[in-house]
Amino acid sequence: MQITKGFKYRIYPNKEQQALINHQCFIYNQAYNICLNLQKEQWQINKDLDKKDRIYLKASQIDTKVKEILKQRELSYKSVTTQ
């Protein structure tokens, strides 16, 4: 018989920390939406092509594009956010 223990933690951020958490959540959301849009664009381009002719973006290319778009929107982020 295996027993699994679980732990719950609660944090109590102050106003400054809460603002930083909210900002990071917003940036993560924006990066996710940008990735979805890039994926949708790739699908639209490739949907009528043969499987051997389809071209998809590499992870490094997606990362670069996400960073560029976040910079255009003048949103500050940490490099870990886009990965």
PDB file of N, CA and C in Angstrom:
ATOM      1  N   MET A   1       0.835  -1.179   0.000  1.00  0.00           N
ATOM      2  CA  MET A   1       0.000   0.000   0.000  1.00  0.00           C
ATOM      3  C   MET A   1       0.885   1.249   0.000  1.00  0.00           C
ATOM      4  N   GLN A   2       0.574   2.164  -0.900  1.00  0.00           N
ATOM      5  CA  GLN A   2       1.378   3.377  -1.043  1.00  0.00           C
ATOM      6  C   GLN A   2       0.595   4.564  -0.497  1.00  0.00           C
ATOM      7  N   ILE A   3       1.249   5.367   0.312  1.00  0.00           N
ATOM      8  CA  ILE A   3       0.618   6.553   0.886  1.00  0.00           C
ATOM      9  C   ILE A   3       1.255   7.781   0.244  1.00  0.00           C
ATOM     10  N   THR A   4       0.414   8.648  -0.271  1.00  0.00           N
ATOM     11  CA  THR A   4       0.893   9.874  -0.884  1.00  0.00           C
ATOM     12  C   THR A   4       0.497  11.053  -0.009  1.00  0.00           C
ATOM     13  N   LYS A   5       1.452  11.852   0.356  1.00  0.00           N
ATOM     14  CA  LYS A   5       1.172  13.033   1.168  1.00  0.00           C
ATOM     15  C   LYS A   5       1.078  14.253   0.262  1.00  0.00           C
ATOM     16  N   GLY A   6       0.166  15.101   0.580  1.00  0.00           N
ATOM     17  CA  GLY A   6       0.018  16.340  -0.177  1.00  0.00           C
ATOM     18  C   GLY A   6       0.188  17.528   0.745  1.00  0.00           C
ATOM     19  N   PHE A   7       0.730  18.581   0.217  1.00  0.00           N
ATOM     20  CA  PHE A   7       0.923  19.793   0.990  1.00  0.00           C
ATOM     21  C   PHE A   7       0.271  20.946   0.265  1.00  0.00           C
ATOM     22  N   LYS A   8      -0.347  21.815   1.011  1.00  0.00           N
ATOM     23  CA  LYS A   8      -0.930  23.031   0.448  1.00  0.00           C
ATOM     24  C   LYS A   8      -0.198  24.218   1.062  1.00  0.00           C
ATOM     25  N   TYR A   9       0.120  25.173   0.218  1.00  0.00           N
ATOM     26  CA  TYR A   9       0.802  26.372   0.668  1.00  0.00           C
ATOM     27  C   TYR A   9      -0.049  27.571   0.301  1.00  0.00           C
ATOM     28  N   ARG A  10      -0.032  28.546   1.138  1.00  0.00           N
ATOM     29  CA  ARG A  10      -0.758  29.774   0.861  1.00  0.00           C
ATOM     30  C   ARG A  10       0.226  30.925   0.998  1.00  0.00           C
ATOM     31  N   ILE A  11       0.149  31.834   0.056  1.00  0.00           N
ATOM     32  CA  ILE A  11       1.034  32.991   0.127  1.00  0.00           C
ATOM     33  C   ILE A  11       0.192  34.235   0.413  1.00  0.00           C
ATOM     34  N   TYR A  12       0.802  35.184   1.044  1.00  0.00           N
ATOM     35  CA  TYR A  12       0.135  36.432   1.362  1.00  0.00           C
ATOM     36  C   TYR A  12       1.001  37.579   0.823  1.00  0.00           C
ATOM     37  N   PRO A  13       0.893  37.846  -0.471  1.00  0.00           N
ATOM     38  CA  PRO A  13       1.738  38.900  -1.046  1.00  0.00           C
ATOM     39  C   PRO A  13       1.254  40.292  -0.635  1.00  0.00           C
ATOM     40  N   ASN A  14       2.207  41.203  -0.533  1.00  0.00           N
ATOM     41  CA  ASN A  14       1.822  42.590  -0.292  1.00  0.00           C
ATOM     42  C   ASN A  14       1.389  43.214  -1.620  1.00  0.00           C
ATOM     43  N   LYS A  15       1.053  44.483  -1.616  1.00  0.00           N
ATOM     44  CA  LYS A  15       0.520  45.121  -2.829  1.00  0.00           C
ATOM     45  C   LYS A  15       1.535  45.126  -3.970  1.00  0.00           C
ATOM     46  N   GLU A  16       2.793  45.384  -3.642  1.00  0.00           N
ATOM     47  CA  GLU A  16       3.834  45.407  -4.678  1.00  0.00           C
ATOM     48  C   GLU A  16       4.022  44.021  -5.297  1.00  0.00           C
ATOM     49  N   GLN A  17       4.080  43.001  -4.449  1.00  0.00           N
ATOM     50  CA  GLN A  17       4.237  41.634  -4.942  1.00  0.00           C
ATOM     51  C   GLN A  17       3.019  41.201  -5.763  1.00  0.00           C
ATOM     52  N   GLN A  18       1.830  41.591  -5.318  1.00  0.00           N
ATOM     53  CA  GLN A  18       0.611  41.240  -6.053  1.00  0.00           C
ATOM     54  C   GLN A  18       0.603  41.896  -7.431  1.00  0.00           C
ATOM     55  N   ALA A  19       1.082  43.129  -7.505  1.00  0.00           N
ATOM     56  CA  ALA A  19       1.162  43.810  -8.798  1.00  0.00           C
ATOM     57  C   ALA A  19       2.123  43.074  -9.735  1.00  0.00           C
ATOM     58  N   LEU A  20       3.266  42.619  -9.206  1.00  0.00           N
ATOM     59  CA  LEU A  20       4.224  41.866 -10.016  1.00  0.00           C
ATOM     60  C   LEU A  20       3.636  40.531 -10.478  1.00  0.00           C
ATOM     61  N   ILE A  21       2.931  39.857  -9.591  1.00  0.00           N
ATOM     62  CA  ILE A  21       2.296  38.582  -9.956  1.00  0.00           C
ATOM     63  C   ILE A  21       1.262  38.802 -11.059  1.00  0.00           C
ATOM     64  N   ASN A  22       0.444  39.834 -10.899  1.00  0.00           N
ATOM     65  CA  ASN A  22      -0.574  40.126 -11.913  1.00  0.00           C
ATOM     66  C   ASN A  22       0.056  40.470 -13.259  1.00  0.00           C
ATOM     67  N   HIS A  23       1.150  41.239 -13.221  1.00  0.00           N
ATOM     68  CA  HIS A  23       1.836  41.612 -14.461  1.00  0.00           C
ATOM     69  C   HIS A  23       2.391  40.371 -15.160  1.00  0.00           C
ATOM     70  N   GLN A  24       3.033  39.481 -14.395  1.00  0.00           N
ATOM     71  CA  GLN A  24       3.583  38.262 -14.992  1.00  0.00           C
ATOM     72  C   GLN A  24       2.476  37.383 -15.576  1.00  0.00           C
ATOM     73  N   CYS A  25       1.363  37.271 -14.876  1.00  0.00           N
ATOM     74  CA  CYS A  25       0.234  36.480 -15.403  1.00  0.00           C
ATOM     75  C   CYS A  25      -0.274  37.081 -16.712  1.00  0.00           C
ATOM     76  N   PHE A  26      -0.330  38.406 -16.774  1.00  0.00           N
ATOM     77  CA  PHE A  26      -0.767  39.080 -18.000  1.00  0.00           C
ATOM     78  C   PHE A  26       0.208  38.800 -19.142  1.00  0.00           C
ATOM     79  N   ILE A  27       1.511  38.864 -18.865  1.00  0.00           N
ATOM     80  CA  ILE A  27       2.519  38.613 -19.890  1.00  0.00           C
ATOM     81  C   ILE A  27       2.443  37.167 -20.373  1.00  0.00           C
ATOM     82  N   TYR A  28       2.285  36.209 -19.440  1.00  0.00           N
ATOM     83  CA  TYR A  28       2.145  34.804 -19.830  1.00  0.00           C
ATOM     84  C   TYR A  28       0.929  34.624 -20.729  1.00  0.00           C
ATOM     85  N   ASN A  29      -0.157  35.291 -20.386  1.00  0.00           N
ATOM     86  CA  ASN A  29      -1.374  35.208 -21.190  1.00  0.00           C
ATOM     87  C   ASN A  29      -1.139  35.759 -22.589  1.00  0.00           C
ATOM     88  N   GLN A  30      -0.466  36.891 -22.678  1.00  0.00           N
ATOM     89  CA  GLN A  30      -0.177  37.482 -23.982  1.00  0.00           C
ATOM     90  C   GLN A  30       0.721  36.571 -24.821  1.00  0.00           C
ATOM     91  N   ALA A  31       1.747  36.000 -24.192  1.00  0.00           N
ATOM     92  CA  ALA A  31       2.648  35.100 -24.911  1.00  0.00           C
ATOM     93  C   ALA A  31       1.903  33.870 -25.418  1.00  0.00           C
ATOM     94  N   TYR A  32       1.013  33.332 -24.599  1.00  0.00           N
ATOM     95  CA  TYR A  32       0.213  32.166 -25.004  1.00  0.00           C
ATOM     96  C   TYR A  32      -0.672  32.514 -26.203  1.00  0.00           C
ATOM     97  N   ASN A  33      -1.332  33.665 -26.147  1.00  0.00           N
ATOM     98  CA  ASN A  33      -2.199  34.077 -27.252  1.00  0.00           C
ATOM     99  C   ASN A  33      -1.412  34.327 -28.533  1.00  0.00           C
ATOM    100  N   ILE A  34      -0.222  34.884 -28.404  1.00  0.00           N
ATOM    101  CA  ILE A  34       0.636  35.094 -29.573  1.00  0.00           C
ATOM    102  C   ILE A  34       0.999  33.750 -30.194  1.00  0.00           C
ATOM    103  N   CYS A  35       1.353  32.775 -29.357  1.00  0.00           N
ATOM    104  CA  CYS A  35       1.694  31.438 -29.867  1.00  0.00           C
ATOM    105  C   CYS A  35       0.503  30.801 -30.573  1.00  0.00           C
ATOM    106  N   LEU A  36      -0.686  30.965 -30.024  1.00  0.00           N
ATOM    107  CA  LEU A  36      -1.888  30.429 -30.686  1.00  0.00           C
ATOM    108  C   LEU A  36      -2.097  31.071 -32.050  1.00  0.00           C
ATOM    109  N   ASN A  37      -1.892  32.388 -32.122  1.00  0.00           N
ATOM    110  CA  ASN A  37      -2.049  33.076 -33.405  1.00  0.00           C
ATOM    111  C   ASN A  37      -1.012  32.610 -34.425  1.00  0.00           C
ATOM    112  N   LEU A  38       0.223  32.409 -33.980  1.00  0.00           N
ATOM    113  CA  LEU A  38       1.261  31.914 -34.884  1.00  0.00           C
ATOM    114  C   LEU A  38       0.919  30.515 -35.382  1.00  0.00           C
ATOM    115  N   GLN A  39       0.409  29.677 -34.491  1.00  0.00           N
ATOM    116  CA  GLN A  39       0.013  28.324 -34.876  1.00  0.00           C
ATOM    117  C   GLN A  39      -1.147  28.359 -35.872  1.00  0.00           C
ATOM    118  N   LYS A  40      -2.085  29.238 -35.644  1.00  0.00           N
ATOM    119  CA  LYS A  40      -3.236  29.368 -36.553  1.00  0.00           C
ATOM    120  C   LYS A  40      -2.772  29.837 -37.931  1.00  0.00           C
ATOM    121  N   GLU A  41      -1.859  30.797 -37.961  1.00  0.00           N
ATOM    122  CA  GLU A  41      -1.320  31.274 -39.231  1.00  0.00           C
ATOM    123  C   GLU A  41      -0.611  30.152 -39.981  1.00  0.00           C
ATOM    124  N   GLN A  42       0.193  29.366 -39.263  1.00  0.00           N
ATOM    125  CA  GLN A  42       0.894  28.248 -39.904  1.00  0.00           C
ATOM    126  C   GLN A  42      -0.092  27.228 -40.454  1.00  0.00           C
ATOM    127  N   TRP A  43      -1.145  26.976 -39.711  1.00  0.00           N
ATOM    128  CA  TRP A  43      -2.148  26.019 -40.174  1.00  0.00           C
ATOM    129  C   TRP A  43      -2.818  26.528 -41.445  1.00  0.00           C
ATOM    130  N   GLN A  44      -3.139  27.822 -41.489  1.00  0.00           N
ATOM    131  CA  GLN A  44      -3.768  28.403 -42.676  1.00  0.00           C
ATOM    132  C   GLN A  44      -2.853  28.299 -43.892  1.00  0.00           C
ATOM    133  N   ILE A  45      -1.570  28.507 -43.687  1.00  0.00           N
ATOM    134  CA  ILE A  45      -0.613  28.429 -44.790  1.00  0.00           C
ATOM    135  C   ILE A  45      -0.470  26.993 -45.285  1.00  0.00           C
ATOM    136  N   ASN A  46      -0.418  26.040 -44.352  1.00  0.00           N
ATOM    137  CA  ASN A  46      -0.109  24.650 -44.690  1.00  0.00           C
ATOM    138  C   ASN A  46      -1.313  23.776 -45.006  1.00  0.00           C
ATOM    139  N   LYS A  47      -2.527  24.260 -44.801  1.00  0.00           N
ATOM    140  CA  LYS A  47      -3.684  23.374 -44.912  1.00  0.00           C
ATOM    141  C   LYS A  47      -3.902  22.825 -46.316  1.00  0.00           C
ATOM    142  N   ASP A  48      -3.519  23.552 -47.345  1.00  0.00           N
ATOM    143  CA  ASP A  48      -3.731  23.101 -48.715  1.00  0.00           C
ATOM    144  C   ASP A  48      -2.501  22.448 -49.335  1.00  0.00           C
ATOM    145  N   LEU A  49      -1.402  22.391 -48.595  1.00  0.00           N
ATOM    146  CA  LEU A  49      -0.167  21.810 -49.127  1.00  0.00           C
ATOM    147  C   LEU A  49      -0.089  20.325 -48.809  1.00  0.00           C
ATOM    148  N   ASP A  50       0.720  19.614 -49.593  1.00  0.00           N
ATOM    149  CA  ASP A  50       0.993  18.213 -49.283  1.00  0.00           C
ATOM    150  C   ASP A  50       1.795  18.126 -47.987  1.00  0.00           C
ATOM    151  N   LYS A  51       1.749  16.967 -47.345  1.00  0.00           N
ATOM    152  CA  LYS A  51       2.452  16.799 -46.070  1.00  0.00           C
ATOM    153  C   LYS A  51       3.950  17.042 -46.198  1.00  0.00           C
ATOM    154  N   LYS A  52       4.532  16.629 -47.316  1.00  0.00           N
ATOM    155  CA  LYS A  52       5.974  16.800 -47.480  1.00  0.00           C
ATOM    156  C   LYS A  52       6.366  18.247 -47.755  1.00  0.00           C
ATOM    157  N   ASP A  53       5.425  19.074 -48.201  1.00  0.00           N
ATOM    158  CA  ASP A  53       5.718  20.467 -48.522  1.00  0.00           C
ATOM    159  C   ASP A  53       5.405  21.435 -47.380  1.00  0.00           C
ATOM    160  N   ARG A  54       4.818  20.944 -46.313  1.00  0.00           N
ATOM    161  CA  ARG A  54       4.437  21.814 -45.197  1.00  0.00           C
ATOM    162  C   ARG A  54       5.672  22.288 -44.434  1.00  0.00           C
ATOM    163  N   ILE A  55       5.627  23.526 -44.029  1.00  0.00           N
ATOM    164  CA  ILE A  55       6.727  24.129 -43.299  1.00  0.00           C
ATOM    165  C   ILE A  55       6.190  24.646 -41.962  1.00  0.00           C
ATOM    166  N   TYR A  56       6.850  24.260 -40.883  1.00  0.00           N
ATOM    167  CA  TYR A  56       6.463  24.708 -39.554  1.00  0.00           C
ATOM    168  C   TYR A  56       7.602  25.471 -38.913  1.00  0.00           C
ATOM    169  N   LEU A  57       7.260  26.405 -38.036  1.00  0.00           N
ATOM    170  CA  LEU A  57       8.270  27.183 -37.334  1.00  0.00           C
ATOM    171  C   LEU A  57       8.953  26.332 -36.264  1.00  0.00           C
ATOM    172  N   LYS A  58      10.244  26.567 -36.093  1.00  0.00           N
ATOM    173  CA  LYS A  58      10.980  25.903 -35.020  1.00  0.00           C
ATOM    174  C   LYS A  58      10.720  26.650 -33.712  1.00  0.00           C
ATOM    175  N   ALA A  59      10.982  25.989 -32.601  1.00  0.00           N
ATOM    176  CA  ALA A  59      10.744  26.594 -31.290  1.00  0.00           C
ATOM    177  C   ALA A  59      11.526  27.896 -31.121  1.00  0.00           C
ATOM    178  N   SER A  60      12.748  27.937 -31.606  1.00  0.00           N
ATOM    179  CA  SER A  60      13.554  29.157 -31.479  1.00  0.00           C
ATOM    180  C   SER A  60      12.965  30.293 -32.303  1.00  0.00           C
ATOM    181  N   GLN A  61      12.394  29.964 -33.465  1.00  0.00           N
ATOM    182  CA  GLN A  61      11.753  30.989 -34.287  1.00  0.00           C
ATOM    183  C   GLN A  61      10.498  31.533 -33.613  1.00  0.00           C
ATOM    184  N   ILE A  62       9.728  30.639 -33.008  1.00  0.00           N
ATOM    185  CA  ILE A  62       8.523  31.067 -32.295  1.00  0.00           C
ATOM    186  C   ILE A  62       8.917  31.965 -31.120  1.00  0.00           C
ATOM    187  N   ASP A  63       9.949  31.576 -30.381  1.00  0.00           N
ATOM    188  CA  ASP A  63      10.418  32.355 -29.243  1.00  0.00           C
ATOM    189  C   ASP A  63      10.826  33.758 -29.684  1.00  0.00           C
ATOM    190  N   THR A  64      11.545  33.845 -30.783  1.00  0.00           N
ATOM    191  CA  THR A  64      11.983  35.137 -31.307  1.00  0.00           C
ATOM    192  C   THR A  64      10.799  36.005 -31.696  1.00  0.00           C
ATOM    193  N   LYS A  65       9.828  35.405 -32.382  1.00  0.00           N
ATOM    194  CA  LYS A  65       8.656  36.174 -32.811  1.00  0.00           C
ATOM    195  C   LYS A  65       7.841  36.659 -31.617  1.00  0.00           C
ATOM    196  N   VAL A  66       7.691  35.811 -30.599  1.00  0.00           N
ATOM    197  CA  VAL A  66       6.943  36.208 -29.403  1.00  0.00           C
ATOM    198  C   VAL A  66       7.641  37.390 -28.725  1.00  0.00           C
ATOM    199  N   LYS A  67       8.963  37.328 -28.606  1.00  0.00           N
ATOM    200  CA  LYS A  67       9.717  38.426 -27.991  1.00  0.00           C
ATOM    201  C   LYS A  67       9.556  39.715 -28.783  1.00  0.00           C
ATOM    202  N   GLU A  68       9.607  39.621 -30.116  1.00  0.00           N
ATOM    203  CA  GLU A  68       9.448  40.803 -30.961  1.00  0.00           C
ATOM    204  C   GLU A  68       8.072  41.431 -30.767  1.00  0.00           C
ATOM    205  N   ILE A  69       7.046  40.605 -30.735  1.00  0.00           N
ATOM    206  CA  ILE A  69       5.679  41.121 -30.591  1.00  0.00           C
ATOM    207  C   ILE A  69       5.490  41.750 -29.213  1.00  0.00           C
ATOM    208  N   LEU A  70       6.036  41.136 -28.167  1.00  0.00           N
ATOM    209  CA  LEU A  70       5.930  41.716 -26.831  1.00  0.00           C
ATOM    210  C   LEU A  70       6.656  43.058 -26.774  1.00  0.00           C
ATOM    211  N   LYS A  71       7.796  43.174 -27.460  1.00  0.00           N
ATOM    212  CA  LYS A  71       8.520  44.447 -27.504  1.00  0.00           C
ATOM    213  C   LYS A  71       7.712  45.503 -28.255  1.00  0.00           C
ATOM    214  N   GLN A  72       7.060  45.106 -29.349  1.00  0.00           N
ATOM    215  CA  GLN A  72       6.225  46.037 -30.103  1.00  0.00           C
ATOM    216  C   GLN A  72       5.077  46.560 -29.252  1.00  0.00           C
ATOM    217  N   ARG A  73       4.547  45.703 -28.401  1.00  0.00           N
ATOM    218  CA  ARG A  73       3.451  46.099 -27.506  1.00  0.00           C
ATOM    219  C   ARG A  73       3.964  46.822 -26.269  1.00  0.00           C
ATOM    220  N   GLU A  74       5.286  47.013 -26.184  1.00  0.00           N
ATOM    221  CA  GLU A  74       5.952  47.708 -25.089  1.00  0.00           C
ATOM    222  C   GLU A  74       5.621  47.072 -23.739  1.00  0.00           C
ATOM    223  N   LEU A  75       5.673  45.735 -23.699  1.00  0.00           N
ATOM    224  CA  LEU A  75       5.440  44.983 -22.474  1.00  0.00           C
ATOM    225  C   LEU A  75       6.771  44.452 -21.962  1.00  0.00           C
ATOM    226  N   SER A  76       7.087  44.753 -20.715  1.00  0.00           N
ATOM    227  CA  SER A  76       8.337  44.251 -20.143  1.00  0.00           C
ATOM    228  C   SER A  76       8.125  42.802 -19.709  1.00  0.00           C
ATOM    229  N   TYR A  77       9.125  41.982 -19.933  1.00  0.00           N
ATOM    230  CA  TYR A  77       9.030  40.567 -19.614  1.00  0.00           C
ATOM    231  C   TYR A  77      10.410  40.033 -19.279  1.00  0.00           C
ATOM    232  N   LYS A  78      10.422  38.867 -18.670  1.00  0.00           N
ATOM    233  CA  LYS A  78      11.672  38.170 -18.419  1.00  0.00           C
ATOM    234  C   LYS A  78      11.809  37.120 -19.515  1.00  0.00           C
ATOM    235  N   SER A  79      13.022  36.797 -19.899  1.00  0.00           N
ATOM    236  CA  SER A  79      13.221  35.875 -21.006  1.00  0.00           C
ATOM    237  C   SER A  79      12.632  34.507 -20.740  1.00  0.00           C
ATOM    238  N   VAL A  80      12.475  34.122 -19.468  1.00  0.00           N
ATOM    239  CA  VAL A  80      11.886  32.827 -19.131  1.00  0.00           C
ATOM    240  C   VAL A  80      10.411  32.793 -19.517  1.00  0.00           C
ATOM    241  N   THR A  81       9.763  33.938 -19.536  1.00  0.00           N
ATOM    242  CA  THR A  81       8.335  34.009 -19.839  1.00  0.00           C
ATOM    243  C   THR A  81       8.023  33.435 -21.210  1.00  0.00           C
ATOM    244  N   THR A  82       8.831  33.746 -22.183  1.00  0.00           N
ATOM    245  CA  THR A  82       8.517  33.335 -23.543  1.00  0.00           C
ATOM    246  C   THR A  82       8.868  31.881 -23.820  1.00  0.00           C
ATOM    247  N   GLN A  83       9.636  31.275 -22.952  1.00  0.00           N
ATOM    248  CA  GLN A  83      10.001  29.880 -23.162  1.00  0.00           C
ATOM    249  C   GLN A  83       8.911  29.030 -22.606  1.00  0.00           C
TER     250      GLN A  83
END
